[in-house]
Amino acid sequence: MNASIVSAEAKARLTEVVNHYTPPAPEKYRALNEVKESIMALRERKASYETIRAMLHENAGIEVSHQTVARYCREVLDAAKPKKPRRSKMPPTEPAASAREELPARSPVGQPRSREPRITPSKNL
């Protein structure tokens, strides 16, 4: 009794469907996906999430919180934008020779400075 219960054709159809499956957008984002371009344009114009929420409510009848708008922008809109490369945290470069000459002399590290008061010369002399 080595007969297969599921035919090879049915397995192939199932495999094809599984390979092309994309999960539906979450319910909370379906309405926002319909006005995605408007949200993108508002964010490009530096509109706050609260402003976008109010505009969606007044003009499109979409009732969402500003937190949902913020989450949508981070998860959906920011994912579509190319990431900017982060600036590396490199140590500061050595100052140029001319700049080194202009710097005042410093006491060596680890040696305490004198505790005497610093008195500048009088200009009235």
PDB file of N, CA and C in Angstrom:
ATOM      1  N   MET A   1       0.820  -1.184   0.000  1.00  0.00           N
ATOM      2  CA  MET A   1       0.000   0.000   0.000  1.00  0.00           C
ATOM      3  C   MET A   1       0.864   1.247   0.000  1.00  0.00           C
ATOM      4  N   ASN A   2       1.565   1.438  -1.055  1.00  0.00           N
ATOM      5  CA  ASN A   2       2.390   2.616  -1.197  1.00  0.00           C
ATOM      6  C   ASN A   2       1.713   3.673  -2.056  1.00  0.00           C
ATOM      7  N   ALA A   3       0.428   3.607  -2.264  1.00  0.00           N
ATOM      8  CA  ALA A   3      -0.285   4.559  -3.114  1.00  0.00           C
ATOM      9  C   ALA A   3      -0.331   5.921  -2.428  1.00  0.00           C
ATOM     10  N   SER A   4      -0.032   6.953  -3.188  1.00  0.00           N
ATOM     11  CA  SER A   4      -0.040   8.309  -2.647  1.00  0.00           C
ATOM     12  C   SER A   4      -1.468   8.835  -2.588  1.00  0.00           C
ATOM     13  N   ILE A   5      -1.801   9.504  -1.501  1.00  0.00           N
ATOM     14  CA  ILE A   5      -3.145  10.041  -1.326  1.00  0.00           C
ATOM     15  C   ILE A   5      -3.315  11.311  -2.151  1.00  0.00           C
ATOM     16  N   VAL A   6      -2.284  12.118  -2.225  1.00  0.00           N
ATOM     17  CA  VAL A   6      -2.329  13.376  -2.981  1.00  0.00           C
ATOM     18  C   VAL A   6      -1.568  13.163  -4.282  1.00  0.00           C
ATOM     19  N   SER A   7      -2.196  13.541  -5.376  1.00  0.00           N
ATOM     20  CA  SER A   7      -1.565  13.329  -6.681  1.00  0.00           C
ATOM     21  C   SER A   7      -0.398  14.292  -6.874  1.00  0.00           C
ATOM     22  N   ALA A   8       0.482  13.909  -7.780  1.00  0.00           N
ATOM     23  CA  ALA A   8       1.643  14.749  -8.086  1.00  0.00           C
ATOM     24  C   ALA A   8       1.197  16.090  -8.668  1.00  0.00           C
ATOM     25  N   GLU A   9       0.122  16.078  -9.425  1.00  0.00           N
ATOM     26  CA  GLU A   9      -0.403  17.319 -10.004  1.00  0.00           C
ATOM     27  C   GLU A   9      -0.914  18.258  -8.907  1.00  0.00           C
ATOM     28  N   ALA A  10      -1.587  17.725  -7.921  1.00  0.00           N
ATOM     29  CA  ALA A  10      -2.101  18.540  -6.808  1.00  0.00           C
ATOM     30  C   ALA A  10      -0.939  19.103  -5.992  1.00  0.00           C
ATOM     31  N   LYS A  11       0.119  18.316  -5.776  1.00  0.00           N
ATOM     32  CA  LYS A  11       1.295  18.801  -5.047  1.00  0.00           C
ATOM     33  C   LYS A  11       1.962  19.940  -5.805  1.00  0.00           C
ATOM     34  N   ALA A  12       2.044  19.800  -7.124  1.00  0.00           N
ATOM     35  CA  ALA A  12       2.666  20.837  -7.948  1.00  0.00           C
ATOM     36  C   ALA A  12       1.860  22.125  -7.887  1.00  0.00           C
ATOM     37  N   ARG A  13       0.531  22.031  -7.948  1.00  0.00           N
ATOM     38  CA  ARG A  13      -0.323  23.224  -7.845  1.00  0.00           C
ATOM     39  C   ARG A  13      -0.137  23.898  -6.491  1.00  0.00           C
ATOM     40  N   LEU A  14      -0.108  23.094  -5.427  1.00  0.00           N
ATOM     41  CA  LEU A  14       0.063  23.640  -4.081  1.00  0.00           C
ATOM     42  C   LEU A  14       1.417  24.322  -3.948  1.00  0.00           C
ATOM     43  N   THR A  15       2.463  23.701  -4.475  1.00  0.00           N
ATOM     44  CA  THR A  15       3.790  24.295  -4.411  1.00  0.00           C
ATOM     45  C   THR A  15       3.816  25.615  -5.155  1.00  0.00           C
ATOM     46  N   GLU A  16       3.178  25.681  -6.307  1.00  0.00           N
ATOM     47  CA  GLU A  16       3.110  26.921  -7.092  1.00  0.00           C
ATOM     48  C   GLU A  16       2.393  28.022  -6.314  1.00  0.00           C
ATOM     49  N   VAL A  17       1.301  27.694  -5.683  1.00  0.00           N
ATOM     50  CA  VAL A  17       0.530  28.671  -4.906  1.00  0.00           C
ATOM     51  C   VAL A  17       1.352  29.154  -3.707  1.00  0.00           C
ATOM     52  N   VAL A  18       2.027  28.248  -3.030  1.00  0.00           N
ATOM     53  CA  VAL A  18       2.839  28.606  -1.869  1.00  0.00           C
ATOM     54  C   VAL A  18       3.980  29.537  -2.282  1.00  0.00           C
ATOM     55  N   ASN A  19       4.622  29.251  -3.414  1.00  0.00           N
ATOM     56  CA  ASN A  19       5.737  30.077  -3.873  1.00  0.00           C
ATOM     57  C   ASN A  19       5.308  31.488  -4.252  1.00  0.00           C
ATOM     58  N   HIS A  20       4.069  31.690  -4.666  1.00  0.00           N
ATOM     59  CA  HIS A  20       3.590  33.004  -5.090  1.00  0.00           C
ATOM     60  C   HIS A  20       2.692  33.669  -4.044  1.00  0.00           C
ATOM     61  N   TYR A  21       2.636  33.127  -2.865  1.00  0.00           N
ATOM     62  CA  TYR A  21       1.782  33.687  -1.812  1.00  0.00           C
ATOM     63  C   TYR A  21       2.405  34.939  -1.216  1.00  0.00           C
ATOM     64  N   THR A  22       1.629  35.986  -1.113  1.00  0.00           N
ATOM     65  CA  THR A  22       2.022  37.179  -0.376  1.00  0.00           C
ATOM     66  C   THR A  22       0.907  37.463   0.629  1.00  0.00           C
ATOM     67  N   PRO A  23       1.275  37.676   1.869  1.00  0.00           N
ATOM     68  CA  PRO A  23       0.235  37.896   2.872  1.00  0.00           C
ATOM     69  C   PRO A  23      -0.486  39.219   2.609  1.00  0.00           C
ATOM     70  N   PRO A  24      -1.770  39.260   2.898  1.00  0.00           N
ATOM     71  CA  PRO A  24      -2.499  40.512   2.698  1.00  0.00           C
ATOM     72  C   PRO A  24      -2.018  41.563   3.686  1.00  0.00           C
ATOM     73  N   ALA A  25      -2.183  42.814   3.307  1.00  0.00           N
ATOM     74  CA  ALA A  25      -1.799  43.906   4.210  1.00  0.00           C
ATOM     75  C   ALA A  25      -2.665  43.828   5.462  1.00  0.00           C
ATOM     76  N   PRO A  26      -2.095  44.169   6.605  1.00  0.00           N
ATOM     77  CA  PRO A  26      -2.909  44.164   7.817  1.00  0.00           C
ATOM     78  C   PRO A  26      -4.120  45.075   7.654  1.00  0.00           C
ATOM     79  N   GLU A  27      -5.184  44.732   8.285  1.00  0.00           N
ATOM     80  CA  GLU A  27      -6.436  45.486   8.176  1.00  0.00           C
ATOM     81  C   GLU A  27      -6.221  46.967   8.502  1.00  0.00           C
ATOM     82  N   LYS A  28      -5.399  47.243   9.488  1.00  0.00           N
ATOM     83  CA  LYS A  28      -5.203  48.628   9.903  1.00  0.00           C
ATOM     84  C   LYS A  28      -4.496  49.455   8.837  1.00  0.00           C
ATOM     85  N   TYR A  29      -3.776  48.802   7.913  1.00  0.00           N
ATOM     86  CA  TYR A  29      -3.047  49.527   6.884  1.00  0.00           C
ATOM     87  C   TYR A  29      -3.758  49.545   5.533  1.00  0.00           C
ATOM     88  N   ARG A  30      -4.823  48.793   5.367  1.00  0.00           N
ATOM     89  CA  ARG A  30      -5.493  48.730   4.070  1.00  0.00           C
ATOM     90  C   ARG A  30      -5.998  50.099   3.637  1.00  0.00           C
ATOM     91  N   ALA A  31      -6.634  50.803   4.528  1.00  0.00           N
ATOM     92  CA  ALA A  31      -7.145  52.137   4.184  1.00  0.00           C
ATOM     93  C   ALA A  31      -5.992  53.093   3.919  1.00  0.00           C
ATOM     94  N   LEU A  32      -4.913  52.980   4.693  1.00  0.00           N
ATOM     95  CA  LEU A  32      -3.765  53.867   4.503  1.00  0.00           C
ATOM     96  C   LEU A  32      -3.048  53.580   3.190  1.00  0.00           C
ATOM     97  N   ASN A  33      -3.028  52.315   2.765  1.00  0.00           N
ATOM     98  CA  ASN A  33      -2.396  51.972   1.492  1.00  0.00           C
ATOM     99  C   ASN A  33      -3.111  52.635   0.317  1.00  0.00           C
ATOM    100  N   GLU A  34      -4.413  52.870   0.452  1.00  0.00           N
ATOM    101  CA  GLU A  34      -5.166  53.514  -0.626  1.00  0.00           C
ATOM    102  C   GLU A  34      -4.792  54.985  -0.782  1.00  0.00           C
ATOM    103  N   VAL A  35      -4.290  55.610   0.264  1.00  0.00           N
ATOM    104  CA  VAL A  35      -3.901  57.027   0.214  1.00  0.00           C
ATOM    105  C   VAL A  35      -2.402  57.183   0.472  1.00  0.00           C
ATOM    106  N   LYS A  36      -1.641  56.172   0.109  1.00  0.00           N
ATOM    107  CA  LYS A  36      -0.200  56.129   0.364  1.00  0.00           C
ATOM    108  C   LYS A  36       0.515  57.342  -0.233  1.00  0.00           C
ATOM    109  N   GLU A  37       0.197  57.699  -1.486  1.00  0.00           N
ATOM    110  CA  GLU A  37       0.871  58.818  -2.145  1.00  0.00           C
ATOM    111  C   GLU A  37       0.623  60.124  -1.402  1.00  0.00           C
ATOM    112  N   SER A  38      -0.585  60.320  -0.901  1.00  0.00           N
ATOM    113  CA  SER A  38      -0.907  61.544  -0.159  1.00  0.00           C
ATOM    114  C   SER A  38      -0.121  61.607   1.145  1.00  0.00           C
ATOM    115  N   ILE A  39      -0.013  60.484   1.824  1.00  0.00           N
ATOM    116  CA  ILE A  39       0.747  60.440   3.084  1.00  0.00           C
ATOM    117  C   ILE A  39       2.213  60.719   2.800  1.00  0.00           C
ATOM    118  N   MET A  40       2.740  60.129   1.721  1.00  0.00           N
ATOM    119  CA  MET A  40       4.134  60.371   1.364  1.00  0.00           C
ATOM    120  C   MET A  40       4.361  61.858   1.067  1.00  0.00           C
ATOM    121  N   ALA A  41       3.445  62.473   0.333  1.00  0.00           N
ATOM    122  CA  ALA A  41       3.591  63.888  -0.002  1.00  0.00           C
ATOM    123  C   ALA A  41       3.545  64.753   1.260  1.00  0.00           C
ATOM    124  N   LEU A  42       2.661  64.420   2.191  1.00  0.00           N
ATOM    125  CA  LEU A  42       2.576  65.190   3.436  1.00  0.00           C
ATOM    126  C   LEU A  42       3.846  65.035   4.265  1.00  0.00           C
ATOM    127  N   ARG A  43       4.394  63.829   4.321  1.00  0.00           N
ATOM    128  CA  ARG A  43       5.630  63.624   5.093  1.00  0.00           C
ATOM    129  C   ARG A  43       6.799  64.360   4.445  1.00  0.00           C
ATOM    130  N   GLU A  44       6.825  64.411   3.116  1.00  0.00           N
ATOM    131  CA  GLU A  44       7.881  65.162   2.429  1.00  0.00           C
ATOM    132  C   GLU A  44       7.793  66.646   2.745  1.00  0.00           C
ATOM    133  N   ARG A  45       6.571  67.120   3.033  1.00  0.00           N
ATOM    134  CA  ARG A  45       6.368  68.529   3.394  1.00  0.00           C
ATOM    135  C   ARG A  45       6.446  68.739   4.899  1.00  0.00           C
ATOM    136  N   LYS A  46       6.967  67.740   5.604  1.00  0.00           N
ATOM    137  CA  LYS A  46       7.213  67.808   7.048  1.00  0.00           C
ATOM    138  C   LYS A  46       5.938  67.907   7.888  1.00  0.00           C
ATOM    139  N   ALA A  47       4.839  67.339   7.393  1.00  0.00           N
ATOM    140  CA  ALA A  47       3.597  67.313   8.174  1.00  0.00           C
ATOM    141  C   ALA A  47       3.753  66.322   9.325  1.00  0.00           C
ATOM    142  N   SER A  48       3.235  66.673  10.492  1.00  0.00           N
ATOM    143  CA  SER A  48       3.318  65.780  11.649  1.00  0.00           C
ATOM    144  C   SER A  48       2.331  64.630  11.476  1.00  0.00           C
ATOM    145  N   TYR A  49       2.538  63.593  12.250  1.00  0.00           N
ATOM    146  CA  TYR A  49       1.631  62.446  12.203  1.00  0.00           C
ATOM    147  C   TYR A  49       0.232  62.856  12.644  1.00  0.00           C
ATOM    148  N   GLU A  50       0.141  63.749  13.605  1.00  0.00           N
ATOM    149  CA  GLU A  50      -1.161  64.230  14.081  1.00  0.00           C
ATOM    150  C   GLU A  50      -1.871  65.015  12.983  1.00  0.00           C
ATOM    151  N   THR A  51      -1.131  65.831  12.244  1.00  0.00           N
ATOM    152  CA  THR A  51      -1.722  66.591  11.142  1.00  0.00           C
ATOM    153  C   THR A  51      -2.236  65.641  10.065  1.00  0.00           C
ATOM    154  N   ILE A  52      -1.447  64.632   9.738  1.00  0.00           N
ATOM    155  CA  ILE A  52      -1.863  63.649   8.734  1.00  0.00           C
ATOM    156  C   ILE A  52      -3.107  62.917   9.211  1.00  0.00           C
ATOM    157  N   ARG A  53      -3.129  62.522  10.490  1.00  0.00           N
ATOM    158  CA  ARG A  53      -4.295  61.835  11.039  1.00  0.00           C
ATOM    159  C   ARG A  53      -5.538  62.689  10.899  1.00  0.00           C
ATOM    160  N   ALA A  54      -5.424  63.987  11.242  1.00  0.00           N
ATOM    161  CA  ALA A  54      -6.572  64.885  11.169  1.00  0.00           C
ATOM    162  C   ALA A  54      -7.046  65.046   9.725  1.00  0.00           C
ATOM    163  N   MET A  55      -6.108  65.176   8.792  1.00  0.00           N
ATOM    164  CA  MET A  55      -6.486  65.324   7.383  1.00  0.00           C
ATOM    165  C   MET A  55      -7.160  64.067   6.846  1.00  0.00           C
ATOM    166  N   LEU A  56      -6.654  62.909   7.251  1.00  0.00           N
ATOM    167  CA  LEU A  56      -7.278  61.651   6.824  1.00  0.00           C
ATOM    168  C   LEU A  56      -8.702  61.550   7.355  1.00  0.00           C
ATOM    169  N   HIS A  57      -8.897  61.960   8.588  1.00  0.00           N
ATOM    170  CA  HIS A  57     -10.225  61.881   9.209  1.00  0.00           C
ATOM    171  C   HIS A  57     -11.189  62.859   8.534  1.00  0.00           C
ATOM    172  N   GLU A  58     -10.755  64.116   8.359  1.00  0.00           N
ATOM    173  CA  GLU A  58     -11.648  65.152   7.826  1.00  0.00           C
ATOM    174  C   GLU A  58     -11.932  64.983   6.338  1.00  0.00           C
ATOM    175  N   ASN A  59     -10.942  64.563   5.563  1.00  0.00           N
ATOM    176  CA  ASN A  59     -11.098  64.554   4.111  1.00  0.00           C
ATOM    177  C   ASN A  59     -11.397  63.188   3.504  1.00  0.00           C
ATOM    178  N   ALA A  60     -10.951  62.123   4.158  1.00  0.00           N
ATOM    179  CA  ALA A  60     -11.158  60.796   3.578  1.00  0.00           C
ATOM    180  C   ALA A  60     -12.013  59.897   4.461  1.00  0.00           C
ATOM    181  N   GLY A  61     -12.333  60.365   5.658  1.00  0.00           N
ATOM    182  CA  GLY A  61     -13.154  59.556   6.564  1.00  0.00           C
ATOM    183  C   GLY A  61     -12.412  58.363   7.144  1.00  0.00           C
ATOM    184  N   ILE A  62     -11.081  58.417   7.133  1.00  0.00           N
ATOM    185  CA  ILE A  62     -10.271  57.328   7.669  1.00  0.00           C
ATOM    186  C   ILE A  62      -9.972  57.647   9.123  1.00  0.00           C
ATOM    187  N   GLU A  63     -10.373  56.780  10.004  1.00  0.00           N
ATOM    188  CA  GLU A  63     -10.198  56.984  11.445  1.00  0.00           C
ATOM    189  C   GLU A  63      -9.056  56.112  11.942  1.00  0.00           C
ATOM    190  N   VAL A  64      -7.909  56.723  12.159  1.00  0.00           N
ATOM    191  CA  VAL A  64      -6.739  56.045  12.720  1.00  0.00           C
ATOM    192  C   VAL A  64      -6.098  56.987  13.730  1.00  0.00           C
ATOM    193  N   SER A  65      -5.258  56.419  14.579  1.00  0.00           N
ATOM    194  CA  SER A  65      -4.538  57.243  15.550  1.00  0.00           C
ATOM    195  C   SER A  65      -3.253  57.763  14.917  1.00  0.00           C
ATOM    196  N   HIS A  66      -2.683  58.799  15.523  1.00  0.00           N
ATOM    197  CA  HIS A  66      -1.417  59.313  14.998  1.00  0.00           C
ATOM    198  C   HIS A  66      -0.300  58.297  15.201  1.00  0.00           C
ATOM    199  N   GLN A  67      -0.439  57.419  16.216  1.00  0.00           N
ATOM    200  CA  GLN A  67       0.552  56.359  16.413  1.00  0.00           C
ATOM    201  C   GLN A  67       0.521  55.369  15.249  1.00  0.00           C
ATOM    202  N   THR A  68      -0.689  55.072  14.746  1.00  0.00           N
ATOM    203  CA  THR A  68      -0.821  54.159  13.615  1.00  0.00           C
ATOM    204  C   THR A  68      -0.215  54.784  12.363  1.00  0.00           C
ATOM    205  N   VAL A  69      -0.439  56.085  12.175  1.00  0.00           N
ATOM    206  CA  VAL A  69       0.160  56.780  11.036  1.00  0.00           C
ATOM    207  C   VAL A  69       1.676  56.717  11.145  1.00  0.00           C
ATOM    208  N   ALA A  70       2.211  56.953  12.337  1.00  0.00           N
ATOM    209  CA  ALA A  70       3.665  56.907  12.541  1.00  0.00           C
ATOM    210  C   ALA A  70       4.201  55.507  12.253  1.00  0.00           C
ATOM    211  N   ARG A  71       3.526  54.484  12.760  1.00  0.00           N
ATOM    212  CA  ARG A  71       3.954  53.103  12.534  1.00  0.00           C
ATOM    213  C   ARG A  71       3.904  52.767  11.043  1.00  0.00           C
ATOM    214  N   TYR A  72       2.835  53.207  10.368  1.00  0.00           N
ATOM    215  CA  TYR A  72       2.701  52.970   8.928  1.00  0.00           C
ATOM    216  C   TYR A  72       3.860  53.625   8.177  1.00  0.00           C
ATOM    217  N   CYS A  73       4.183  54.843   8.538  1.00  0.00           N
ATOM    218  CA  CYS A  73       5.280  55.549   7.861  1.00  0.00           C
ATOM    219  C   CYS A  73       6.602  54.833   8.084  1.00  0.00           C
ATOM    220  N   ARG A  74       6.853  54.375   9.294  1.00  0.00           N
ATOM    221  CA  ARG A  74       8.107  53.679   9.579  1.00  0.00           C
ATOM    222  C   ARG A  74       8.168  52.331   8.878  1.00  0.00           C
ATOM    223  N   GLU A  75       7.089  51.553   8.967  1.00  0.00           N
ATOM    224  CA  GLU A  75       7.112  50.186   8.457  1.00  0.00           C
ATOM    225  C   GLU A  75       6.943  50.102   6.945  1.00  0.00           C
ATOM    226  N   VAL A  76       6.103  50.952   6.373  1.00  0.00           N
ATOM    227  CA  VAL A  76       5.780  50.836   4.951  1.00  0.00           C
ATOM    228  C   VAL A  76       6.548  51.860   4.121  1.00  0.00           C
ATOM    229  N   LEU A  77       6.457  53.123   4.481  1.00  0.00           N
ATOM    230  CA  LEU A  77       7.083  54.155   3.660  1.00  0.00           C
ATOM    231  C   LEU A  77       8.597  54.152   3.787  1.00  0.00           C
ATOM    232  N   ASP A  78       9.122  54.031   5.003  1.00  0.00           N
ATOM    233  CA  ASP A  78      10.564  54.032   5.193  1.00  0.00           C
ATOM    234  C   ASP A  78      11.208  52.778   4.628  1.00  0.00           C
ATOM    235  N   ALA A  79      10.468  51.679   4.592  1.00  0.00           N
ATOM    236  CA  ALA A  79      11.004  50.444   4.030  1.00  0.00           C
ATOM    237  C   ALA A  79      11.185  50.583   2.519  1.00  0.00           C
ATOM    238  N   ALA A  80      10.392  51.441   1.874  1.00  0.00           N
ATOM    239  CA  ALA A  80      10.484  51.620   0.431  1.00  0.00           C
ATOM    240  C   ALA A  80      11.615  52.564   0.048  1.00  0.00           C
ATOM    241  N   LYS A  81      12.039  53.434   0.982  1.00  0.00           N
ATOM    242  CA  LYS A  81      13.106  54.393   0.684  1.00  0.00           C
ATOM    243  C   LYS A  81      14.460  53.726   0.832  1.00  0.00           C
ATOM    244  N   PRO A  82      15.418  54.098  -0.006  1.00  0.00           N
ATOM    245  CA  PRO A  82      16.771  53.558   0.180  1.00  0.00           C
ATOM    246  C   PRO A  82      17.385  54.155   1.436  1.00  0.00           C
ATOM    247  N   LYS A  83      18.094  53.344   2.160  1.00  0.00           N
ATOM    248  CA  LYS A  83      18.731  53.788   3.401  1.00  0.00           C
ATOM    249  C   LYS A  83      19.939  54.653   3.088  1.00  0.00           C
ATOM    250  N   LYS A  84      20.101  55.731   3.855  1.00  0.00           N
ATOM    251  CA  LYS A  84      21.284  56.568   3.726  1.00  0.00           C
ATOM    252  C   LYS A  84      22.409  55.907   4.497  1.00  0.00           C
ATOM    253  N   PRO A  85      23.611  55.929   3.948  1.00  0.00           N
ATOM    254  CA  PRO A  85      24.720  55.327   4.699  1.00  0.00           C
ATOM    255  C   PRO A  85      25.006  56.150   5.953  1.00  0.00           C
ATOM    256  N   ARG A  86      25.254  55.466   7.027  1.00  0.00           N
ATOM    257  CA  ARG A  86      25.549  56.140   8.287  1.00  0.00           C
ATOM    258  C   ARG A  86      26.971  56.661   8.256  1.00  0.00           C
ATOM    259  N   ARG A  87      27.163  57.804   8.895  1.00  0.00           N
ATOM    260  CA  ARG A  87      28.515  58.346   9.002  1.00  0.00           C
ATOM    261  C   ARG A  87      29.301  57.489   9.974  1.00  0.00           C
ATOM    262  N   SER A  88      30.511  57.146   9.573  1.00  0.00           N
ATOM    263  CA  SER A  88      31.317  56.315  10.450  1.00  0.00           C
ATOM    264  C   SER A  88      31.871  57.155  11.588  1.00  0.00           C
ATOM    265  N   LYS A  89      32.072  56.515  12.694  1.00  0.00           N
ATOM    266  CA  LYS A  89      32.613  57.186  13.873  1.00  0.00           C
ATOM    267  C   LYS A  89      34.123  57.029  13.850  1.00  0.00           C
ATOM    268  N   MET A  90      34.755  57.829  13.019  1.00  0.00           N
ATOM    269  CA  MET A  90      36.200  57.764  12.900  1.00  0.00           C
ATOM    270  C   MET A  90      36.824  58.758  13.869  1.00  0.00           C
ATOM    271  N   PRO A  91      37.992  58.435  14.378  1.00  0.00           N
ATOM    272  CA  PRO A  91      38.645  59.383  15.277  1.00  0.00           C
ATOM    273  C   PRO A  91      39.003  60.646  14.513  1.00  0.00           C
ATOM    274  N   PRO A  92      39.070  61.770  15.205  1.00  0.00           N
ATOM    275  CA  PRO A  92      39.409  63.012  14.511  1.00  0.00           C
ATOM    276  C   PRO A  92      40.794  62.916  13.891  1.00  0.00           C
ATOM    277  N   THR A  93      40.940  63.544  12.758  1.00  0.00           N
ATOM    278  CA  THR A  93      42.224  63.494  12.061  1.00  0.00           C
ATOM    279  C   THR A  93      43.218  64.430  12.721  1.00  0.00           C
ATOM    280  N   GLU A  94      44.474  64.183  12.459  1.00  0.00           N
ATOM    281  CA  GLU A  94      45.547  65.011  13.001  1.00  0.00           C
ATOM    282  C   GLU A  94      45.457  66.393  12.363  1.00  0.00           C
ATOM    283  N   PRO A  95      45.519  67.482  13.142  1.00  0.00           N
ATOM    284  CA  PRO A  95      45.440  68.810  12.533  1.00  0.00           C
ATOM    285  C   PRO A  95      46.640  69.062  11.639  1.00  0.00           C
ATOM    286  N   ALA A  96      46.466  69.912  10.657  1.00  0.00           N
ATOM    287  CA  ALA A  96      47.535  70.244   9.724  1.00  0.00           C
ATOM    288  C   ALA A  96      48.688  70.897  10.471  1.00  0.00           C
ATOM    289  N   ALA A  97      49.874  70.883   9.861  1.00  0.00           N
ATOM    290  CA  ALA A  97      51.075  71.422  10.509  1.00  0.00           C
ATOM    291  C   ALA A  97      50.890  72.888  10.872  1.00  0.00           C
ATOM    292  N   SER A  98      50.266  73.673   9.995  1.00  0.00           N
ATOM    293  CA  SER A  98      50.074  75.093  10.288  1.00  0.00           C
ATOM    294  C   SER A  98      49.129  75.275  11.462  1.00  0.00           C
ATOM    295  N   ALA A  99      48.132  74.436  11.569  1.00  0.00           N
ATOM    296  CA  ALA A  99      47.193  74.536  12.681  1.00  0.00           C
ATOM    297  C   ALA A  99      47.859  74.130  13.983  1.00  0.00           C
ATOM    298  N   ARG A 100      48.786  73.171  13.929  1.00  0.00           N
ATOM    299  CA  ARG A 100      49.468  72.733  15.144  1.00  0.00           C
ATOM    300  C   ARG A 100      50.334  73.846  15.715  1.00  0.00           C
ATOM    301  N   GLU A 101      50.922  74.653  14.828  1.00  0.00           N
ATOM    302  CA  GLU A 101      51.790  75.738  15.297  1.00  0.00           C
ATOM    303  C   GLU A 101      50.994  76.815  16.019  1.00  0.00           C
ATOM    304  N   GLU A 102      49.721  76.991  15.640  1.00  0.00           N
ATOM    305  CA  GLU A 102      48.897  78.036  16.232  1.00  0.00           C
ATOM    306  C   GLU A 102      48.328  77.632  17.587  1.00  0.00           C
ATOM    307  N   LEU A 103      48.317  76.362  17.880  1.00  0.00           N
ATOM    308  CA  LEU A 103      47.745  75.900  19.137  1.00  0.00           C
ATOM    309  C   LEU A 103      48.657  76.266  20.295  1.00  0.00           C
ATOM    310  N   PRO A 104      48.083  76.715  21.415  1.00  0.00           N
ATOM    311  CA  PRO A 104      48.910  77.032  22.578  1.00  0.00           C
ATOM    312  C   PRO A 104      49.494  75.756  23.164  1.00  0.00           C
ATOM    313  N   ALA A 105      50.643  75.898  23.796  1.00  0.00           N
ATOM    314  CA  ALA A 105      51.293  74.742  24.406  1.00  0.00           C
ATOM    315  C   ALA A 105      50.458  74.277  25.588  1.00  0.00           C
ATOM    316  N   ARG A 106      50.340  72.994  25.733  1.00  0.00           N
ATOM    317  CA  ARG A 106      49.577  72.415  26.839  1.00  0.00           C
ATOM    318  C   ARG A 106      50.513  71.665  27.754  1.00  0.00           C
ATOM    319  N   SER A 107      50.088  71.555  28.998  1.00  0.00           N
ATOM    320  CA  SER A 107      50.876  70.752  29.921  1.00  0.00           C
ATOM    321  C   SER A 107      50.648  69.284  29.578  1.00  0.00           C
ATOM    322  N   PRO A 108      51.641  68.459  29.757  1.00  0.00           N
ATOM    323  CA  PRO A 108      51.494  67.037  29.429  1.00  0.00           C
ATOM    324  C   PRO A 108      50.342  66.416  30.216  1.00  0.00           C
ATOM    325  N   VAL A 109      49.730  65.454  29.600  1.00  0.00           N
ATOM    326  CA  VAL A 109      48.608  64.773  30.234  1.00  0.00           C
ATOM    327  C   VAL A 109      49.095  64.043  31.473  1.00  0.00           C
ATOM    328  N   GLY A 110      48.349  64.122  32.513  1.00  0.00           N
ATOM    329  CA  GLY A 110      48.693  63.413  33.743  1.00  0.00           C
ATOM    330  C   GLY A 110      49.437  64.273  34.739  1.00  0.00           C
ATOM    331  N   GLN A 111      49.966  65.401  34.295  1.00  0.00           N
ATOM    332  CA  GLN A 111      50.666  66.297  35.222  1.00  0.00           C
ATOM    333  C   GLN A 111      49.717  67.414  35.630  1.00  0.00           C
ATOM    334  N   PRO A 112      49.606  67.669  36.915  1.00  0.00           N
ATOM    335  CA  PRO A 112      48.689  68.716  37.357  1.00  0.00           C
ATOM    336  C   PRO A 112      49.233  70.096  36.996  1.00  0.00           C
ATOM    337  N   ARG A 113      48.324  70.990  36.720  1.00  0.00           N
ATOM    338  CA  ARG A 113      48.704  72.379  36.456  1.00  0.00           C
ATOM    339  C   ARG A 113      48.964  73.078  37.787  1.00  0.00           C
ATOM    340  N   SER A 114      49.662  74.188  37.703  1.00  0.00           N
ATOM    341  CA  SER A 114      49.898  74.930  38.940  1.00  0.00           C
ATOM    342  C   SER A 114      48.574  75.520  39.412  1.00  0.00           C
ATOM    343  N   ARG A 115      48.427  75.642  40.693  1.00  0.00           N
ATOM    344  CA  ARG A 115      47.181  76.111  41.283  1.00  0.00           C
ATOM    345  C   ARG A 115      47.190  77.626  41.505  1.00  0.00           C
ATOM    346  N   GLU A 116      48.163  78.308  40.973  1.00  0.00           N
ATOM    347  CA  GLU A 116      48.246  79.748  41.143  1.00  0.00           C
ATOM    348  C   GLU A 116      47.190  80.420  40.273  1.00  0.00           C
ATOM    349  N   PRO A 117      46.719  81.586  40.708  1.00  0.00           N
ATOM    350  CA  PRO A 117      45.727  82.281  39.889  1.00  0.00           C
ATOM    351  C   PRO A 117      46.357  82.797  38.600  1.00  0.00           C
ATOM    352  N   ARG A 118      45.581  82.823  37.569  1.00  0.00           N
ATOM    353  CA  ARG A 118      46.037  83.350  36.291  1.00  0.00           C
ATOM    354  C   ARG A 118      45.753  84.849  36.271  1.00  0.00           C
ATOM    355  N   ILE A 119      46.772  85.637  36.169  1.00  0.00           N
ATOM    356  CA  ILE A 119      46.612  87.077  36.159  1.00  0.00           C
ATOM    357  C   ILE A 119      47.097  87.593  34.806  1.00  0.00           C
ATOM    358  N   THR A 120      46.228  88.281  34.113  1.00  0.00           N
ATOM    359  CA  THR A 120      46.610  88.829  32.827  1.00  0.00           C
ATOM    360  C   THR A 120      47.248  90.190  33.035  1.00  0.00           C
ATOM    361  N   PRO A 121      48.175  90.553  32.182  1.00  0.00           N
ATOM    362  CA  PRO A 121      48.834  91.853  32.343  1.00  0.00           C
ATOM    363  C   PRO A 121      47.851  92.996  32.114  1.00  0.00           C
ATOM    364  N   SER A 122      48.031  94.043  32.802  1.00  0.00           N
ATOM    365  CA  SER A 122      47.159  95.215  32.694  1.00  0.00           C
ATOM    366  C   SER A 122      47.443  95.948  31.395  1.00  0.00           C
ATOM    367  N   LYS A 123      46.399  96.472  30.769  1.00  0.00           N
ATOM    368  CA  LYS A 123      46.563  97.202  29.516  1.00  0.00           C
ATOM    369  C   LYS A 123      46.927  98.678  29.750  1.00  0.00           C
ATOM    370  N   ASN A 124      46.822  99.152  30.990  1.00  0.00           N
ATOM    371  CA  ASN A 124      47.060 100.574  31.296  1.00  0.00           C
ATOM    372  C   ASN A 124      48.527 100.888  31.511  1.00  0.00           C
ATOM    373  N   LEU A 125      49.412  99.997  31.323  1.00  0.00           N
ATOM    374  CA  LEU A 125      50.828 100.265  31.592  1.00  0.00           C
ATOM    375  C   LEU A 125      51.463 101.095  30.560  1.00  0.00           C
TER     376      LEU A 125
END
